[in-house]
């Protein structure tokens, strides 16, 4: 069994897949506060719902970013802790690639798949994929303006929690906005199975998520 974890946004999810790719257990929760309060319980629930024990796990996959700095750190530390304790491999999967995989299942041939995660103001974390999941643009932060994606060939299909703020810029170009797409451990697990078969494992001691931007802490303003 492969345990998959996604804590990259306010939607926290965990999943279990067999080594043959069958989804056996899944749990998702929308959490506005810290994932650390719920993640351990969610993992316990998916394992018990599948009538398994933690010792039955063969590997752990986690969203490696981009996304919430705090959320990614919580997911990474939890995954690394399990792998270290059980001496099983760790796999990291791009949050944006996992989102693209969701949409690739029903996008039209020739569409360009564009997941977007909010990075504040008019900046997003984004990437581009074909419907066959070939990467056209690697994950990166991008400030959106009227010139964004003018050079792509094909209809842009965009989605994610950073997408709606870009609608005024992209809708006139014939692009399609899909609402309701969030990162999911279901798709983290699907992509992780490929990594498991290739033995493309992360170093449990030194691996860190792909934040793409340095963390900027905010300090409360003083009241006058």
N, C-alpha and C. Protein backbone atom coordinates (compact mmCIF):
# COMPACT_ATOMS: atom_id res chain seq x y z
N UNK A 1 0.83 -1.20 0.00
CA UNK A 1 0.00 0.00 0.00
C UNK A 1 0.87 1.26 0.00
N UNK A 2 0.41 2.25 -0.75
CA UNK A 2 1.06 3.56 -0.76
C UNK A 2 0.13 4.56 -0.08
N UNK A 3 0.62 5.23 0.94
CA UNK A 3 -0.11 6.30 1.60
C UNK A 3 0.25 7.62 0.93
N UNK A 4 -0.77 8.40 0.56
CA UNK A 4 -0.52 9.69 -0.09
C UNK A 4 -1.12 10.81 0.75
N UNK A 5 -0.42 11.93 0.79
CA UNK A 5 -0.80 13.06 1.63
C UNK A 5 -0.74 14.34 0.81
N UNK A 6 -1.79 15.17 0.91
CA UNK A 6 -1.74 16.50 0.31
C UNK A 6 -2.19 17.55 1.33
N UNK A 7 -1.28 18.45 1.65
CA UNK A 7 -1.57 19.53 2.60
C UNK A 7 -1.18 20.88 1.99
N UNK A 8 -1.21 20.98 0.68
CA UNK A 8 -0.69 22.17 0.00
C UNK A 8 -1.64 23.37 0.05
N UNK A 9 -2.93 23.14 0.33
CA UNK A 9 -3.90 24.23 0.43
C UNK A 9 -4.75 24.01 1.68
N UNK A 10 -5.88 24.72 1.77
CA UNK A 10 -6.77 24.53 2.92
C UNK A 10 -7.53 23.22 2.85
N UNK A 11 -7.46 22.53 1.73
CA UNK A 11 -8.06 21.20 1.60
C UNK A 11 -6.99 20.16 1.91
N UNK A 12 -7.18 19.45 3.01
CA UNK A 12 -6.23 18.42 3.44
C UNK A 12 -6.80 17.06 3.07
N UNK A 13 -6.00 16.21 2.43
CA UNK A 13 -6.51 14.90 2.02
C UNK A 13 -5.44 13.84 2.16
N UNK A 14 -5.90 12.61 2.40
CA UNK A 14 -5.02 11.45 2.47
C UNK A 14 -5.68 10.30 1.72
N UNK A 15 -4.86 9.43 1.14
CA UNK A 15 -5.39 8.33 0.33
C UNK A 15 -4.50 7.11 0.46
N UNK A 16 -5.10 5.95 0.19
CA UNK A 16 -4.35 4.70 0.14
C UNK A 16 -4.58 4.05 -1.22
N UNK A 17 -3.50 3.66 -1.88
CA UNK A 17 -3.57 2.92 -3.14
C UNK A 17 -2.82 1.60 -3.01
N UNK A 18 -3.34 0.59 -3.69
CA UNK A 18 -2.57 -0.65 -3.80
C UNK A 18 -1.42 -0.41 -4.76
N UNK A 19 -0.47 -1.31 -4.79
CA UNK A 19 0.66 -1.17 -5.71
C UNK A 19 0.23 -1.36 -7.16
N UNK A 20 -1.00 -1.86 -7.36
CA UNK A 20 -1.55 -2.00 -8.71
C UNK A 20 -2.34 -0.76 -9.13
N UNK A 21 -2.46 0.23 -8.23
CA UNK A 21 -3.11 1.48 -8.58
C UNK A 21 -4.55 1.63 -8.13
N UNK A 22 -5.09 0.67 -7.39
CA UNK A 22 -6.48 0.76 -6.95
C UNK A 22 -6.59 1.63 -5.70
N UNK A 23 -7.51 2.60 -5.73
CA UNK A 23 -7.78 3.44 -4.57
C UNK A 23 -8.62 2.64 -3.58
N UNK A 24 -8.13 2.46 -2.37
CA UNK A 24 -8.85 1.65 -1.38
C UNK A 24 -9.44 2.47 -0.25
N UNK A 25 -8.91 3.66 0.00
CA UNK A 25 -9.41 4.47 1.10
C UNK A 25 -9.03 5.92 0.85
N UNK A 26 -9.95 6.84 1.18
CA UNK A 26 -9.69 8.27 0.93
C UNK A 26 -10.42 9.10 1.96
N UNK A 27 -9.77 10.15 2.40
CA UNK A 27 -10.40 11.07 3.35
C UNK A 27 -9.96 12.49 3.02
N UNK A 28 -10.93 13.41 3.04
CA UNK A 28 -10.66 14.81 2.69
C UNK A 28 -11.37 15.72 3.67
N UNK A 29 -10.70 16.80 4.04
CA UNK A 29 -11.30 17.75 4.96
C UNK A 29 -10.84 19.16 4.61
N UNK A 30 -11.80 20.11 4.62
CA UNK A 30 -11.46 21.51 4.39
C UNK A 30 -11.09 22.13 5.73
N UNK A 31 -9.86 22.60 5.83
CA UNK A 31 -9.33 23.08 7.09
C UNK A 31 -8.77 24.49 6.90
N UNK A 32 -9.36 25.47 7.60
CA UNK A 32 -8.87 26.83 7.49
C UNK A 32 -7.64 27.07 8.37
N UNK A 33 -7.52 26.27 9.41
CA UNK A 33 -6.39 26.44 10.33
C UNK A 33 -5.33 25.38 10.04
N UNK A 34 -4.47 25.15 11.02
CA UNK A 34 -3.33 24.26 10.81
C UNK A 34 -3.75 22.82 10.54
N UNK A 35 -3.14 22.22 9.51
CA UNK A 35 -3.39 20.81 9.21
C UNK A 35 -2.84 19.90 10.30
N UNK A 36 -1.94 20.41 11.12
CA UNK A 36 -1.27 19.56 12.10
C UNK A 36 -2.24 18.97 13.13
N UNK A 37 -3.37 19.64 13.34
CA UNK A 37 -4.34 19.16 14.32
C UNK A 37 -5.12 17.95 13.81
N UNK A 38 -5.20 17.78 12.51
CA UNK A 38 -6.09 16.77 11.93
C UNK A 38 -5.37 15.67 11.14
N UNK A 39 -4.19 15.96 10.65
CA UNK A 39 -3.55 15.05 9.70
C UNK A 39 -3.31 13.66 10.27
N UNK A 40 -2.81 13.57 11.49
CA UNK A 40 -2.53 12.27 12.09
C UNK A 40 -3.80 11.43 12.22
N UNK A 41 -4.90 12.08 12.60
CA UNK A 41 -6.18 11.37 12.75
C UNK A 41 -6.68 10.91 11.38
N UNK A 42 -6.54 11.74 10.37
CA UNK A 42 -6.97 11.37 9.03
C UNK A 42 -6.19 10.17 8.51
N UNK A 43 -4.89 10.15 8.75
CA UNK A 43 -4.07 9.01 8.33
C UNK A 43 -4.51 7.74 9.05
N UNK A 44 -4.74 7.87 10.35
CA UNK A 44 -5.21 6.72 11.14
C UNK A 44 -6.53 6.19 10.58
N UNK A 45 -7.44 7.11 10.20
CA UNK A 45 -8.75 6.71 9.68
C UNK A 45 -8.65 5.96 8.35
N UNK A 46 -7.84 6.46 7.42
CA UNK A 46 -7.78 5.79 6.11
C UNK A 46 -7.14 4.41 6.23
N UNK A 47 -6.17 4.28 7.11
CA UNK A 47 -5.53 2.97 7.30
C UNK A 47 -6.51 1.99 7.94
N UNK A 48 -7.22 2.44 8.98
CA UNK A 48 -8.17 1.55 9.66
C UNK A 48 -9.36 1.22 8.77
N UNK A 49 -9.82 2.18 7.96
CA UNK A 49 -10.95 1.92 7.07
C UNK A 49 -10.62 0.87 6.02
N UNK A 50 -9.35 0.72 5.71
CA UNK A 50 -8.91 -0.31 4.76
C UNK A 50 -8.55 -1.62 5.46
N UNK A 51 -8.84 -1.66 6.78
CA UNK A 51 -8.53 -2.85 7.59
C UNK A 51 -7.04 -3.20 7.53
N UNK A 52 -6.22 -2.15 7.62
CA UNK A 52 -4.78 -2.33 7.57
C UNK A 52 -4.12 -1.75 8.81
N UNK A 53 -2.84 -1.97 8.93
CA UNK A 53 -2.01 -1.37 9.97
C UNK A 53 -0.94 -0.52 9.29
N UNK A 54 -0.37 0.39 10.05
CA UNK A 54 0.68 1.24 9.49
C UNK A 54 1.84 0.39 8.95
N UNK A 55 2.08 -0.72 9.57
CA UNK A 55 3.19 -1.59 9.14
C UNK A 55 2.95 -2.22 7.77
N UNK A 56 1.70 -2.11 7.25
CA UNK A 56 1.40 -2.63 5.92
C UNK A 56 1.81 -1.67 4.80
N UNK A 57 2.19 -0.46 5.16
CA UNK A 57 2.55 0.53 4.15
C UNK A 57 3.89 0.19 3.50
N UNK A 58 3.96 0.39 2.19
CA UNK A 58 5.19 0.13 1.44
C UNK A 58 5.90 1.43 1.04
N UNK A 59 5.22 2.55 1.19
CA UNK A 59 5.80 3.83 0.84
C UNK A 59 4.84 4.96 1.16
N UNK A 60 5.36 6.18 1.22
CA UNK A 60 4.54 7.36 1.48
C UNK A 60 4.84 8.41 0.41
N UNK A 61 3.77 8.98 -0.15
CA UNK A 61 3.91 10.06 -1.13
C UNK A 61 3.30 11.33 -0.56
N UNK A 62 3.90 12.46 -0.88
CA UNK A 62 3.41 13.73 -0.35
C UNK A 62 3.52 14.79 -1.43
N UNK A 63 2.58 15.74 -1.41
CA UNK A 63 2.66 16.86 -2.35
C UNK A 63 3.90 17.68 -2.02
N UNK A 64 4.74 17.91 -3.02
CA UNK A 64 6.01 18.60 -2.78
C UNK A 64 5.94 20.08 -3.09
N UNK A 65 4.74 20.57 -3.43
CA UNK A 65 4.58 21.98 -3.72
C UNK A 65 4.45 22.23 -5.21
N UNK A 66 4.15 23.49 -5.54
CA UNK A 66 4.03 24.62 -4.63
C UNK A 66 2.73 24.60 -3.84
N UNK A 67 2.59 25.60 -2.97
CA UNK A 67 1.41 25.69 -2.14
C UNK A 67 1.70 26.46 -0.87
N UNK A 68 0.86 26.29 0.12
CA UNK A 68 1.04 26.94 1.41
C UNK A 68 2.34 26.49 2.06
N UNK A 69 3.17 27.45 2.45
CA UNK A 69 4.45 27.13 3.07
C UNK A 69 4.24 26.28 4.32
N UNK A 70 3.34 26.72 5.19
CA UNK A 70 3.09 25.97 6.43
C UNK A 70 2.50 24.61 6.14
N UNK A 71 1.53 24.56 5.24
CA UNK A 71 0.90 23.29 4.90
C UNK A 71 1.88 22.29 4.33
N UNK A 72 2.73 22.74 3.42
CA UNK A 72 3.72 21.84 2.82
C UNK A 72 4.70 21.31 3.87
N UNK A 73 5.10 22.16 4.80
CA UNK A 73 6.03 21.72 5.85
C UNK A 73 5.39 20.66 6.74
N UNK A 74 4.12 20.84 7.05
CA UNK A 74 3.42 19.87 7.89
C UNK A 74 3.32 18.52 7.18
N UNK A 75 2.92 18.55 5.91
CA UNK A 75 2.83 17.31 5.14
C UNK A 75 4.16 16.62 5.00
N UNK A 76 5.20 17.41 4.72
CA UNK A 76 6.54 16.84 4.53
C UNK A 76 7.07 16.21 5.81
N UNK A 77 6.93 16.92 6.92
CA UNK A 77 7.46 16.39 8.19
C UNK A 77 6.71 15.14 8.62
N UNK A 78 5.40 15.11 8.37
CA UNK A 78 4.61 13.92 8.71
C UNK A 78 5.04 12.73 7.86
N UNK A 79 5.14 12.95 6.55
CA UNK A 79 5.54 11.87 5.64
C UNK A 79 6.93 11.35 5.96
N UNK A 80 7.86 12.27 6.22
CA UNK A 80 9.23 11.86 6.53
C UNK A 80 9.29 11.09 7.83
N UNK A 81 8.47 11.51 8.81
CA UNK A 81 8.44 10.80 10.09
C UNK A 81 7.97 9.37 9.94
N UNK A 82 6.92 9.17 9.13
CA UNK A 82 6.40 7.81 8.91
C UNK A 82 7.45 6.96 8.19
N UNK A 83 8.05 7.53 7.16
CA UNK A 83 9.06 6.78 6.39
C UNK A 83 10.26 6.40 7.25
N UNK A 84 10.68 7.32 8.08
CA UNK A 84 11.83 7.05 8.95
C UNK A 84 11.50 5.96 9.95
N UNK A 85 10.31 6.05 10.55
CA UNK A 85 9.91 5.08 11.57
C UNK A 85 9.75 3.68 10.99
N UNK A 86 9.12 3.59 9.82
CA UNK A 86 8.83 2.28 9.21
C UNK A 86 9.93 1.82 8.25
N UNK A 87 10.90 2.69 7.99
CA UNK A 87 11.98 2.38 7.05
C UNK A 87 11.42 2.02 5.67
N UNK A 88 10.57 2.92 5.15
CA UNK A 88 9.97 2.75 3.83
C UNK A 88 10.28 3.98 2.99
N UNK A 89 10.18 3.90 1.65
CA UNK A 89 10.58 5.01 0.79
C UNK A 89 9.60 6.18 0.79
N UNK A 90 10.16 7.36 0.50
CA UNK A 90 9.41 8.61 0.40
C UNK A 90 9.39 9.06 -1.04
N UNK A 91 8.22 9.54 -1.50
CA UNK A 91 8.08 10.07 -2.85
C UNK A 91 7.45 11.46 -2.79
N UNK A 92 7.96 12.38 -3.58
CA UNK A 92 7.41 13.71 -3.67
C UNK A 92 6.78 13.92 -5.04
N UNK A 93 5.57 14.51 -5.05
CA UNK A 93 4.83 14.71 -6.30
C UNK A 93 4.43 16.18 -6.42
N UNK A 94 4.61 16.76 -7.59
CA UNK A 94 4.23 18.15 -7.83
C UNK A 94 2.74 18.36 -7.61
N UNK A 95 2.42 19.37 -6.81
CA UNK A 95 1.01 19.71 -6.58
C UNK A 95 0.33 20.07 -7.89
N UNK A 96 0.99 20.86 -8.72
CA UNK A 96 0.40 21.30 -9.98
C UNK A 96 0.21 20.15 -10.95
N UNK A 97 1.15 19.23 -10.98
CA UNK A 97 1.01 18.07 -11.87
C UNK A 97 -0.17 17.20 -11.44
N UNK A 98 -0.35 17.05 -10.14
CA UNK A 98 -1.48 16.23 -9.66
C UNK A 98 -2.81 16.89 -10.00
N UNK A 99 -2.87 18.22 -9.95
CA UNK A 99 -4.09 18.93 -10.34
C UNK A 99 -4.34 18.78 -11.83
N UNK A 100 -3.28 18.86 -12.62
CA UNK A 100 -3.42 18.70 -14.07
C UNK A 100 -3.93 17.32 -14.43
N UNK A 101 -3.49 16.32 -13.68
CA UNK A 101 -3.94 14.95 -13.94
C UNK A 101 -5.45 14.83 -13.77
N UNK A 102 -6.01 15.53 -12.79
CA UNK A 102 -7.46 15.51 -12.59
C UNK A 102 -8.19 15.98 -13.85
N UNK A 103 -7.74 17.11 -14.38
CA UNK A 103 -8.44 17.74 -15.51
C UNK A 103 -8.15 17.02 -16.82
N UNK A 104 -7.01 16.35 -16.91
CA UNK A 104 -6.66 15.65 -18.15
C UNK A 104 -7.65 14.54 -18.48
N UNK A 105 -8.39 14.09 -17.47
CA UNK A 105 -9.34 13.00 -17.68
C UNK A 105 -10.53 13.41 -18.52
N UNK A 106 -10.84 14.71 -18.54
CA UNK A 106 -12.01 15.13 -19.33
C UNK A 106 -11.73 16.37 -20.20
N UNK A 107 -10.49 16.82 -20.27
CA UNK A 107 -10.15 17.92 -21.19
C UNK A 107 -10.22 17.42 -22.63
N UNK A 108 -10.45 18.34 -23.56
CA UNK A 108 -10.52 17.99 -24.97
C UNK A 108 -9.12 17.92 -25.58
N UNK A 109 -8.96 17.06 -26.56
CA UNK A 109 -7.68 16.92 -27.23
C UNK A 109 -7.23 18.27 -27.80
N UNK A 110 -6.01 18.65 -27.55
CA UNK A 110 -5.50 19.94 -28.01
C UNK A 110 -5.55 21.03 -26.97
N UNK A 111 -6.30 20.81 -25.89
CA UNK A 111 -6.34 21.79 -24.80
C UNK A 111 -4.98 21.88 -24.12
N UNK A 112 -4.69 23.04 -23.57
CA UNK A 112 -3.51 23.24 -22.74
C UNK A 112 -3.98 23.35 -21.30
N UNK A 113 -3.51 22.46 -20.46
CA UNK A 113 -3.98 22.38 -19.08
C UNK A 113 -3.12 23.27 -18.19
N UNK A 114 -3.79 24.15 -17.43
CA UNK A 114 -3.07 25.18 -16.68
C UNK A 114 -3.58 25.27 -15.23
N UNK A 115 -3.00 24.48 -14.33
CA UNK A 115 -3.35 24.62 -12.91
C UNK A 115 -2.78 25.92 -12.35
N UNK A 116 -3.52 26.54 -11.43
CA UNK A 116 -3.07 27.78 -10.81
C UNK A 116 -3.33 27.75 -9.31
N UNK A 117 -2.31 28.03 -8.54
CA UNK A 117 -2.46 28.18 -7.09
C UNK A 117 -2.16 29.62 -6.72
N UNK A 118 -2.96 30.17 -5.84
CA UNK A 118 -2.84 31.57 -5.46
C UNK A 118 -1.50 31.86 -4.79
N UNK A 119 -0.83 32.92 -5.25
CA UNK A 119 0.42 33.36 -4.63
C UNK A 119 0.32 34.83 -4.23
N UNK A 120 -0.90 35.29 -3.98
CA UNK A 120 -1.20 36.66 -3.55
C UNK A 120 -1.21 37.63 -4.73
N UNK A 121 -2.02 38.68 -4.56
CA UNK A 121 -2.22 39.71 -5.58
C UNK A 121 -2.48 39.05 -6.94
N UNK A 122 -1.79 39.49 -7.98
CA UNK A 122 -2.01 38.89 -9.31
C UNK A 122 -0.93 37.88 -9.66
N UNK A 123 -0.33 37.29 -8.66
CA UNK A 123 0.69 36.26 -8.88
C UNK A 123 0.10 34.89 -8.59
N UNK A 124 0.49 33.92 -9.39
CA UNK A 124 0.05 32.53 -9.20
C UNK A 124 1.25 31.60 -9.35
N UNK A 125 1.13 30.43 -8.76
CA UNK A 125 2.03 29.32 -9.08
C UNK A 125 1.35 28.54 -10.20
N UNK A 126 2.03 28.33 -11.29
CA UNK A 126 1.38 27.68 -12.42
C UNK A 126 2.35 26.82 -13.21
N UNK A 127 1.80 26.03 -14.10
CA UNK A 127 2.55 25.19 -15.03
C UNK A 127 1.62 24.90 -16.20
N UNK A 128 2.16 24.36 -17.27
CA UNK A 128 1.35 24.00 -18.44
C UNK A 128 1.61 22.56 -18.83
N UNK A 129 0.52 21.86 -19.18
CA UNK A 129 0.61 20.46 -19.59
C UNK A 129 -0.29 20.22 -20.79
N UNK A 130 0.07 19.24 -21.61
CA UNK A 130 -0.84 18.76 -22.65
C UNK A 130 -1.83 17.80 -22.01
N UNK A 131 -2.84 17.40 -22.77
CA UNK A 131 -3.81 16.43 -22.25
C UNK A 131 -3.19 15.06 -22.04
N UNK A 132 -2.03 14.82 -22.65
CA UNK A 132 -1.30 13.57 -22.43
C UNK A 132 -0.31 13.68 -21.28
N UNK A 133 -0.39 14.81 -20.54
CA UNK A 133 0.44 15.05 -19.37
C UNK A 133 1.91 15.26 -19.70
N UNK A 134 2.17 15.79 -20.88
CA UNK A 134 3.52 16.24 -21.19
C UNK A 134 3.68 17.68 -20.69
N UNK A 135 4.75 17.93 -19.96
CA UNK A 135 4.96 19.25 -19.37
C UNK A 135 5.46 20.24 -20.41
N UNK A 136 4.74 21.36 -20.56
CA UNK A 136 5.13 22.42 -21.50
C UNK A 136 5.82 23.57 -20.78
N UNK A 137 5.43 23.81 -19.55
CA UNK A 137 6.01 24.87 -18.72
C UNK A 137 6.18 24.32 -17.32
N UNK A 138 7.38 24.35 -16.81
CA UNK A 138 7.63 23.80 -15.48
C UNK A 138 7.01 24.67 -14.40
N UNK A 139 6.68 24.13 -13.23
CA UNK A 139 6.08 24.90 -12.15
C UNK A 139 6.91 26.13 -11.79
N UNK A 140 6.22 27.27 -11.71
CA UNK A 140 6.91 28.53 -11.42
C UNK A 140 5.92 29.58 -10.95
N UNK A 141 6.41 30.61 -10.22
CA UNK A 141 5.54 31.74 -9.90
C UNK A 141 5.43 32.65 -11.12
N UNK A 142 4.24 33.19 -11.35
CA UNK A 142 4.03 34.02 -12.54
C UNK A 142 3.07 35.16 -12.20
N UNK A 143 3.46 36.38 -12.52
CA UNK A 143 2.58 37.53 -12.36
C UNK A 143 1.72 37.64 -13.61
N UNK A 144 0.42 37.57 -13.43
CA UNK A 144 -0.50 37.55 -14.56
C UNK A 144 -0.81 38.96 -15.04
N UNK A 145 -0.81 39.13 -16.38
CA UNK A 145 -1.20 40.39 -16.99
C UNK A 145 -1.82 40.11 -18.36
N UNK A 146 -2.07 41.17 -19.13
CA UNK A 146 -2.76 41.01 -20.42
C UNK A 146 -1.95 40.20 -21.43
N UNK A 147 -0.64 40.11 -21.25
CA UNK A 147 0.21 39.38 -22.18
C UNK A 147 0.38 37.90 -21.83
N UNK A 148 -0.11 37.50 -20.67
CA UNK A 148 0.12 36.14 -20.19
C UNK A 148 -0.48 35.09 -21.12
N UNK A 149 0.31 34.11 -21.50
CA UNK A 149 -0.09 32.95 -22.31
C UNK A 149 -0.57 33.33 -23.71
N UNK A 150 -0.17 34.49 -24.20
CA UNK A 150 -0.56 34.88 -25.56
C UNK A 150 0.07 33.99 -26.63
N UNK A 151 1.17 33.33 -26.28
CA UNK A 151 1.92 32.58 -27.29
C UNK A 151 1.58 31.10 -27.35
N UNK A 152 0.62 30.65 -26.56
CA UNK A 152 0.30 29.22 -26.58
C UNK A 152 -0.63 28.89 -27.74
N UNK A 153 -0.52 27.69 -28.24
CA UNK A 153 -1.40 27.20 -29.31
C UNK A 153 -2.36 26.19 -28.71
N UNK A 154 -3.64 26.46 -28.81
CA UNK A 154 -4.66 25.61 -28.21
C UNK A 154 -5.43 26.37 -27.15
N UNK A 155 -6.58 25.83 -26.77
CA UNK A 155 -7.40 26.47 -25.75
C UNK A 155 -6.79 26.26 -24.37
N UNK A 156 -6.66 27.34 -23.61
CA UNK A 156 -6.14 27.25 -22.26
C UNK A 156 -7.27 26.87 -21.31
N UNK A 157 -7.09 25.79 -20.58
CA UNK A 157 -8.06 25.36 -19.56
C UNK A 157 -7.39 25.58 -18.21
N UNK A 158 -7.91 26.53 -17.45
CA UNK A 158 -7.25 26.92 -16.21
C UNK A 158 -8.17 26.72 -15.00
N UNK A 159 -7.57 26.48 -13.84
CA UNK A 159 -8.34 26.07 -12.66
C UNK A 159 -7.45 26.15 -11.43
N UNK A 160 -8.06 26.01 -10.26
CA UNK A 160 -7.32 26.09 -9.01
C UNK A 160 -7.70 27.34 -8.24
N UNK A 161 -7.21 27.47 -7.00
CA UNK A 161 -7.63 28.60 -6.18
C UNK A 161 -7.01 29.93 -6.60
N UNK A 162 -6.15 29.91 -7.60
CA UNK A 162 -5.62 31.16 -8.14
C UNK A 162 -6.19 31.52 -9.49
N UNK A 163 -7.16 30.74 -9.97
CA UNK A 163 -7.64 30.89 -11.34
C UNK A 163 -8.70 31.98 -11.51
N UNK A 164 -9.64 32.06 -10.58
CA UNK A 164 -10.78 32.96 -10.78
C UNK A 164 -10.35 34.42 -10.86
N UNK A 165 -9.31 34.81 -10.14
CA UNK A 165 -8.87 36.21 -10.20
C UNK A 165 -8.26 36.55 -11.56
N UNK A 166 -7.96 35.53 -12.36
CA UNK A 166 -7.37 35.74 -13.69
C UNK A 166 -8.41 35.71 -14.80
N UNK A 167 -9.67 35.53 -14.44
CA UNK A 167 -10.71 35.33 -15.46
C UNK A 167 -10.83 36.54 -16.39
N UNK A 168 -10.77 37.75 -15.84
CA UNK A 168 -10.91 38.95 -16.67
C UNK A 168 -9.79 39.05 -17.70
N UNK A 169 -8.62 38.52 -17.37
CA UNK A 169 -7.49 38.55 -18.29
C UNK A 169 -7.56 37.46 -19.35
N UNK A 170 -8.06 36.30 -18.96
CA UNK A 170 -7.97 35.12 -19.83
C UNK A 170 -9.25 34.82 -20.61
N UNK A 171 -10.41 35.20 -20.08
CA UNK A 171 -11.67 34.89 -20.76
C UNK A 171 -11.75 35.47 -22.17
N UNK A 172 -11.30 36.71 -22.41
CA UNK A 172 -11.37 37.26 -23.78
C UNK A 172 -10.53 36.49 -24.79
N UNK A 173 -9.62 35.64 -24.34
CA UNK A 173 -8.76 34.87 -25.24
C UNK A 173 -9.36 33.52 -25.60
N UNK A 174 -10.60 33.27 -25.14
CA UNK A 174 -11.24 32.00 -25.43
C UNK A 174 -10.85 30.89 -24.48
N UNK A 175 -10.21 31.25 -23.38
CA UNK A 175 -9.81 30.25 -22.39
C UNK A 175 -11.01 29.77 -21.59
N UNK A 176 -10.87 28.61 -20.96
CA UNK A 176 -11.96 28.02 -20.20
C UNK A 176 -11.57 27.90 -18.74
N UNK A 177 -12.40 28.47 -17.86
CA UNK A 177 -12.20 28.36 -16.42
C UNK A 177 -13.01 27.20 -15.88
N UNK A 178 -12.37 26.32 -15.13
CA UNK A 178 -13.06 25.22 -14.46
C UNK A 178 -12.99 25.47 -12.96
N UNK A 179 -14.14 25.54 -12.32
CA UNK A 179 -14.19 25.80 -10.89
C UNK A 179 -14.25 24.50 -10.09
N UNK A 180 -13.82 24.57 -8.85
CA UNK A 180 -13.97 23.43 -7.94
C UNK A 180 -12.85 22.42 -7.96
N UNK A 181 -11.78 22.68 -8.69
CA UNK A 181 -10.64 21.75 -8.72
C UNK A 181 -9.67 22.11 -7.60
N UNK A 182 -9.41 21.16 -6.72
CA UNK A 182 -8.47 21.36 -5.62
C UNK A 182 -7.45 20.23 -5.63
N UNK A 183 -6.27 20.45 -5.08
CA UNK A 183 -5.30 19.36 -4.98
C UNK A 183 -5.88 18.19 -4.20
N UNK A 184 -5.53 16.97 -4.58
CA UNK A 184 -6.10 15.78 -3.95
C UNK A 184 -5.06 14.68 -3.83
N UNK A 185 -5.05 14.03 -2.68
CA UNK A 185 -4.14 12.91 -2.45
C UNK A 185 -4.44 11.74 -3.39
N UNK A 186 -5.67 11.68 -3.93
CA UNK A 186 -5.98 10.62 -4.89
C UNK A 186 -5.00 10.65 -6.06
N UNK A 187 -4.75 11.85 -6.57
CA UNK A 187 -3.92 12.00 -7.76
C UNK A 187 -2.44 12.05 -7.40
N UNK A 188 -2.13 12.49 -6.20
CA UNK A 188 -0.76 12.37 -5.70
C UNK A 188 -0.37 10.89 -5.72
N UNK A 189 -1.28 10.04 -5.26
CA UNK A 189 -1.02 8.61 -5.21
C UNK A 189 -0.84 7.99 -6.58
N UNK A 190 -1.67 8.40 -7.54
CA UNK A 190 -1.55 7.85 -8.89
C UNK A 190 -0.18 8.15 -9.49
N UNK A 191 0.27 9.38 -9.33
CA UNK A 191 1.58 9.76 -9.87
C UNK A 191 2.72 9.12 -9.08
N UNK A 192 2.50 8.93 -7.79
CA UNK A 192 3.54 8.33 -6.95
C UNK A 192 3.80 6.88 -7.30
N UNK A 193 2.78 6.19 -7.79
CA UNK A 193 2.97 4.79 -8.17
C UNK A 193 4.01 4.66 -9.28
N UNK A 194 4.04 5.63 -10.19
CA UNK A 194 5.06 5.63 -11.24
C UNK A 194 6.45 5.81 -10.63
N UNK A 195 6.53 6.70 -9.64
CA UNK A 195 7.81 6.93 -8.96
C UNK A 195 8.24 5.69 -8.19
N UNK A 196 7.28 5.01 -7.60
CA UNK A 196 7.59 3.80 -6.82
C UNK A 196 8.16 2.71 -7.73
N UNK A 197 7.53 2.54 -8.88
CA UNK A 197 7.98 1.51 -9.81
C UNK A 197 9.37 1.81 -10.36
N UNK A 198 9.68 3.11 -10.51
CA UNK A 198 11.01 3.51 -11.00
C UNK A 198 12.04 3.62 -9.87
N UNK A 199 11.55 3.43 -8.64
CA UNK A 199 12.39 3.60 -7.44
C UNK A 199 13.00 5.00 -7.40
N UNK A 200 12.18 5.98 -7.78
CA UNK A 200 12.61 7.38 -7.75
C UNK A 200 12.26 7.96 -6.38
N UNK A 201 13.02 7.57 -5.39
CA UNK A 201 12.71 7.91 -4.01
C UNK A 201 13.49 9.15 -3.56
N UNK A 202 12.93 9.85 -2.57
CA UNK A 202 13.58 11.01 -1.99
C UNK A 202 14.45 10.59 -0.80
N UNK A 203 15.43 11.43 -0.50
CA UNK A 203 16.25 11.21 0.68
C UNK A 203 15.48 11.69 1.90
N UNK A 204 15.07 10.78 2.76
CA UNK A 204 14.22 11.12 3.89
C UNK A 204 14.88 12.17 4.78
N UNK A 205 16.16 12.12 4.93
CA UNK A 205 16.86 13.03 5.83
C UNK A 205 16.95 14.46 5.29
N UNK A 206 17.12 14.61 3.97
CA UNK A 206 17.45 15.93 3.43
C UNK A 206 16.40 16.53 2.49
N UNK A 207 15.43 15.75 2.07
CA UNK A 207 14.45 16.28 1.11
C UNK A 207 13.59 17.38 1.74
N UNK A 208 13.29 18.41 0.95
CA UNK A 208 12.40 19.49 1.36
C UNK A 208 11.44 19.79 0.22
N UNK A 209 10.25 20.32 0.53
CA UNK A 209 9.28 20.68 -0.53
C UNK A 209 9.82 21.76 -1.46
N UNK A 210 9.18 21.87 -2.63
CA UNK A 210 9.52 22.91 -3.61
C UNK A 210 8.61 24.11 -3.36
N UNK A 211 9.10 25.05 -2.57
CA UNK A 211 8.27 26.20 -2.22
C UNK A 211 8.15 27.20 -3.37
N UNK A 212 9.15 27.26 -4.24
CA UNK A 212 9.25 28.16 -5.39
C UNK A 212 9.50 29.62 -5.01
N UNK A 213 9.05 30.04 -3.82
CA UNK A 213 9.34 31.38 -3.33
C UNK A 213 9.77 31.28 -1.88
N UNK A 214 10.60 32.21 -1.45
CA UNK A 214 11.01 32.23 -0.05
C UNK A 214 9.83 32.62 0.82
N UNK A 215 9.78 32.01 2.01
CA UNK A 215 8.71 32.31 2.95
C UNK A 215 8.85 33.73 3.46
N UNK A 216 7.74 34.48 3.45
CA UNK A 216 7.74 35.85 3.96
C UNK A 216 6.79 35.92 5.15
N UNK A 217 7.37 36.03 6.33
CA UNK A 217 6.56 36.11 7.54
C UNK A 217 5.98 37.52 7.66
N UNK A 218 4.77 37.60 8.16
CA UNK A 218 4.14 38.89 8.38
C UNK A 218 4.07 39.17 9.87
N UNK A 219 4.23 40.42 10.23
CA UNK A 219 4.15 40.80 11.65
C UNK A 219 2.93 41.67 11.85
N UNK A 220 2.23 41.50 12.97
CA UNK A 220 1.03 42.30 13.23
C UNK A 220 1.37 43.79 13.29
N UNK A 221 0.49 44.60 12.75
CA UNK A 221 0.69 46.04 12.83
C UNK A 221 0.39 46.54 14.23
N UNK A 222 1.19 47.52 14.67
CA UNK A 222 0.95 48.10 15.99
C UNK A 222 -0.25 49.03 15.93
N UNK A 223 -1.06 48.96 16.95
CA UNK A 223 -2.20 49.87 17.02
C UNK A 223 -1.74 51.23 17.55
N UNK A 224 -2.31 52.26 16.98
CA UNK A 224 -1.96 53.60 17.44
C UNK A 224 -2.74 53.95 18.70
